[in-house]
Amino acid sequence: METHEYINGEITVIWQPQKCIHSAVCVKTLPKVYNPNERPWIKVENATPQELKNQIDLCPSKALSYKFNINK
């Protein structure tokens, strides 16, 4: 399955476009991050890692997920 990764410091946002069926939820929740008229449509630098995590936890289709980046 195709995925796209977007890194914002301590968090990486993972998007699976094939699963995405409710993008309006993302756009309403964090409009500075999600803009379907732009490419890339996800701009993780426009939110804090905590804001991204909170919004992704609400993703109804589970097209968005995240992982924490561990600095060694």
N, C-alpha and C. Protein backbone atom coordinates (compact mmCIF):
# COMPACT_ATOMS: atom_id res chain seq x y z
N MET A 1 0.84 -1.18 0.00
CA MET A 1 0.00 0.00 0.00
C MET A 1 0.89 1.24 0.00
N GLU A 2 0.53 2.20 -0.81
CA GLU A 2 1.28 3.45 -0.92
C GLU A 2 1.14 4.28 0.35
N THR A 3 2.24 4.87 0.79
CA THR A 3 2.22 5.77 1.93
C THR A 3 3.09 6.99 1.63
N HIS A 4 2.79 8.07 2.31
CA HIS A 4 3.58 9.30 2.25
C HIS A 4 3.92 9.67 3.68
N GLU A 5 5.16 10.10 3.92
CA GLU A 5 5.59 10.47 5.26
C GLU A 5 5.99 11.94 5.29
N TYR A 6 5.57 12.60 6.36
CA TYR A 6 5.87 14.01 6.56
C TYR A 6 6.43 14.16 7.97
N ILE A 7 7.62 14.74 8.08
CA ILE A 7 8.32 14.80 9.37
C ILE A 7 8.23 16.20 9.96
N ASN A 8 7.88 16.24 11.26
CA ASN A 8 7.85 17.49 12.02
C ASN A 8 8.55 17.24 13.34
N GLY A 9 9.86 17.40 13.35
CA GLY A 9 10.62 17.24 14.59
C GLY A 9 10.48 15.86 15.17
N GLU A 10 9.77 15.76 16.27
CA GLU A 10 9.67 14.49 17.01
C GLU A 10 8.59 13.55 16.50
N ILE A 11 7.81 13.96 15.48
CA ILE A 11 6.73 13.11 14.99
C ILE A 11 6.79 13.02 13.46
N THR A 12 6.49 11.84 12.94
CA THR A 12 6.34 11.64 11.51
C THR A 12 4.89 11.27 11.24
N VAL A 13 4.25 12.01 10.35
CA VAL A 13 2.87 11.75 9.96
C VAL A 13 2.91 10.83 8.75
N ILE A 14 2.13 9.77 8.81
CA ILE A 14 2.07 8.78 7.72
C ILE A 14 0.66 8.82 7.13
N TRP A 15 0.59 9.05 5.83
CA TRP A 15 -0.69 9.15 5.14
C TRP A 15 -0.82 8.02 4.14
N GLN A 16 -1.93 7.30 4.19
CA GLN A 16 -2.24 6.23 3.24
C GLN A 16 -3.42 6.70 2.38
N PRO A 17 -3.14 7.25 1.20
CA PRO A 17 -4.19 7.86 0.39
C PRO A 17 -5.34 6.93 0.02
N GLN A 18 -5.07 5.64 -0.14
CA GLN A 18 -6.12 4.71 -0.52
C GLN A 18 -7.20 4.58 0.57
N LYS A 19 -6.85 4.84 1.81
CA LYS A 19 -7.79 4.73 2.92
C LYS A 19 -8.56 6.03 3.17
N CYS A 20 -8.06 7.12 2.63
CA CYS A 20 -8.57 8.45 2.98
C CYS A 20 -9.95 8.69 2.36
N ILE A 21 -10.96 8.76 3.23
CA ILE A 21 -12.32 9.02 2.75
C ILE A 21 -13.01 10.16 3.52
N HIS A 22 -12.33 10.73 4.51
CA HIS A 22 -12.92 11.79 5.32
C HIS A 22 -11.98 12.97 5.47
N SER A 23 -11.35 13.42 4.40
CA SER A 23 -10.36 14.49 4.51
C SER A 23 -10.95 15.80 5.03
N ALA A 24 -12.26 15.97 4.91
CA ALA A 24 -12.89 17.19 5.43
C ALA A 24 -12.68 17.32 6.93
N VAL A 25 -12.59 16.21 7.64
CA VAL A 25 -12.34 16.24 9.09
C VAL A 25 -10.98 16.88 9.35
N CYS A 26 -9.98 16.49 8.59
CA CYS A 26 -8.63 17.05 8.74
C CYS A 26 -8.63 18.54 8.44
N VAL A 27 -9.24 18.90 7.33
CA VAL A 27 -9.25 20.29 6.89
C VAL A 27 -9.95 21.18 7.92
N LYS A 28 -11.04 20.71 8.49
CA LYS A 28 -11.76 21.50 9.51
C LYS A 28 -10.97 21.59 10.81
N THR A 29 -10.28 20.52 11.18
CA THR A 29 -9.58 20.48 12.45
C THR A 29 -8.29 21.30 12.42
N LEU A 30 -7.50 21.13 11.38
CA LEU A 30 -6.22 21.85 11.25
C LEU A 30 -6.08 22.41 9.83
N PRO A 31 -6.81 23.47 9.50
CA PRO A 31 -6.77 24.00 8.12
C PRO A 31 -5.41 24.53 7.70
N LYS A 32 -4.55 24.91 8.64
CA LYS A 32 -3.21 25.38 8.27
C LYS A 32 -2.30 24.22 7.87
N VAL A 33 -2.67 23.01 8.25
CA VAL A 33 -1.87 21.83 7.94
C VAL A 33 -2.39 21.14 6.68
N TYR A 34 -3.71 20.99 6.58
CA TYR A 34 -4.31 20.22 5.49
C TYR A 34 -4.99 21.15 4.49
N ASN A 35 -4.48 21.17 3.27
CA ASN A 35 -5.06 21.98 2.21
C ASN A 35 -5.09 21.13 0.93
N PRO A 36 -6.25 20.57 0.59
CA PRO A 36 -6.32 19.67 -0.56
C PRO A 36 -6.05 20.35 -1.90
N ASN A 37 -6.01 21.68 -1.93
CA ASN A 37 -5.74 22.39 -3.18
C ASN A 37 -4.26 22.62 -3.41
N GLU A 38 -3.42 22.24 -2.46
CA GLU A 38 -1.98 22.44 -2.59
C GLU A 38 -1.25 21.11 -2.63
N ARG A 39 -0.04 21.12 -3.13
CA ARG A 39 0.82 19.93 -3.13
C ARG A 39 2.15 20.29 -2.52
N PRO A 40 2.63 19.60 -1.54
CA PRO A 40 1.90 18.55 -0.84
C PRO A 40 0.74 19.14 -0.05
N TRP A 41 -0.30 18.36 0.12
CA TRP A 41 -1.50 18.88 0.79
C TRP A 41 -1.37 18.86 2.30
N ILE A 42 -0.36 18.17 2.82
CA ILE A 42 -0.10 18.12 4.25
C ILE A 42 1.16 18.92 4.55
N LYS A 43 1.04 19.93 5.37
CA LYS A 43 2.17 20.78 5.76
C LYS A 43 2.33 20.69 7.28
N VAL A 44 3.06 19.65 7.71
CA VAL A 44 3.19 19.37 9.15
C VAL A 44 3.91 20.47 9.92
N GLU A 45 4.68 21.29 9.22
CA GLU A 45 5.39 22.37 9.91
C GLU A 45 4.44 23.45 10.43
N ASN A 46 3.17 23.41 10.04
CA ASN A 46 2.20 24.41 10.47
C ASN A 46 1.46 24.04 11.75
N ALA A 47 1.92 23.01 12.45
CA ALA A 47 1.32 22.61 13.72
C ALA A 47 2.39 21.99 14.60
N THR A 48 2.10 21.95 15.88
CA THR A 48 3.03 21.31 16.81
C THR A 48 2.85 19.80 16.70
N PRO A 49 3.86 19.04 17.12
CA PRO A 49 3.69 17.58 17.14
C PRO A 49 2.46 17.15 17.96
N GLN A 50 2.20 17.82 19.08
CA GLN A 50 1.04 17.46 19.90
C GLN A 50 -0.28 17.75 19.18
N GLU A 51 -0.36 18.87 18.47
CA GLU A 51 -1.57 19.18 17.69
C GLU A 51 -1.78 18.14 16.61
N LEU A 52 -0.71 17.73 15.94
CA LEU A 52 -0.81 16.70 14.91
C LEU A 52 -1.29 15.38 15.50
N LYS A 53 -0.70 14.97 16.61
CA LYS A 53 -1.09 13.72 17.27
C LYS A 53 -2.56 13.75 17.64
N ASN A 54 -3.00 14.84 18.26
CA ASN A 54 -4.40 14.95 18.69
C ASN A 54 -5.36 14.83 17.51
N GLN A 55 -5.02 15.48 16.40
CA GLN A 55 -5.89 15.42 15.23
C GLN A 55 -5.87 14.03 14.60
N ILE A 56 -4.71 13.43 14.47
CA ILE A 56 -4.59 12.11 13.84
C ILE A 56 -5.35 11.06 14.65
N ASP A 57 -5.35 11.20 15.96
CA ASP A 57 -6.10 10.27 16.80
C ASP A 57 -7.59 10.29 16.49
N LEU A 58 -8.08 11.36 15.86
CA LEU A 58 -9.49 11.49 15.51
C LEU A 58 -9.81 11.04 14.08
N CYS A 59 -8.80 10.64 13.32
CA CYS A 59 -9.00 10.28 11.91
C CYS A 59 -9.96 9.09 11.79
N PRO A 60 -11.15 9.30 11.21
CA PRO A 60 -12.15 8.22 11.17
C PRO A 60 -11.77 7.05 10.25
N SER A 61 -11.01 7.30 9.19
CA SER A 61 -10.68 6.23 8.26
C SER A 61 -9.35 5.55 8.58
N LYS A 62 -8.61 6.13 9.54
CA LYS A 62 -7.27 5.64 9.90
C LYS A 62 -6.29 5.74 8.75
N ALA A 63 -6.56 6.67 7.83
CA ALA A 63 -5.63 6.93 6.72
C ALA A 63 -4.39 7.66 7.22
N LEU A 64 -4.51 8.34 8.36
CA LEU A 64 -3.39 9.02 8.96
C LEU A 64 -2.95 8.28 10.21
N SER A 65 -1.66 8.17 10.35
CA SER A 65 -1.08 7.61 11.57
C SER A 65 0.20 8.37 11.84
N TYR A 66 0.87 8.05 12.91
CA TYR A 66 2.11 8.74 13.24
C TYR A 66 3.05 7.81 13.98
N LYS A 67 4.30 8.21 13.97
CA LYS A 67 5.29 7.54 14.78
C LYS A 67 6.19 8.60 15.36
N PHE A 68 6.71 8.34 16.53
CA PHE A 68 7.60 9.29 17.17
C PHE A 68 9.02 9.02 16.73
N ASN A 69 9.76 10.07 16.44
CA ASN A 69 11.15 9.97 16.02
C ASN A 69 12.01 9.97 17.26
N ILE A 70 12.87 9.01 17.37
CA ILE A 70 13.76 8.90 18.52
C ILE A 70 15.13 9.41 18.13
N ASN A 71 15.57 10.46 18.81
CA ASN A 71 16.90 11.02 18.56
C ASN A 71 17.91 10.28 19.41
N LYS A 72 18.97 9.82 18.79
CA LYS A 72 19.99 9.09 19.53
C LYS A 72 21.19 9.96 19.78
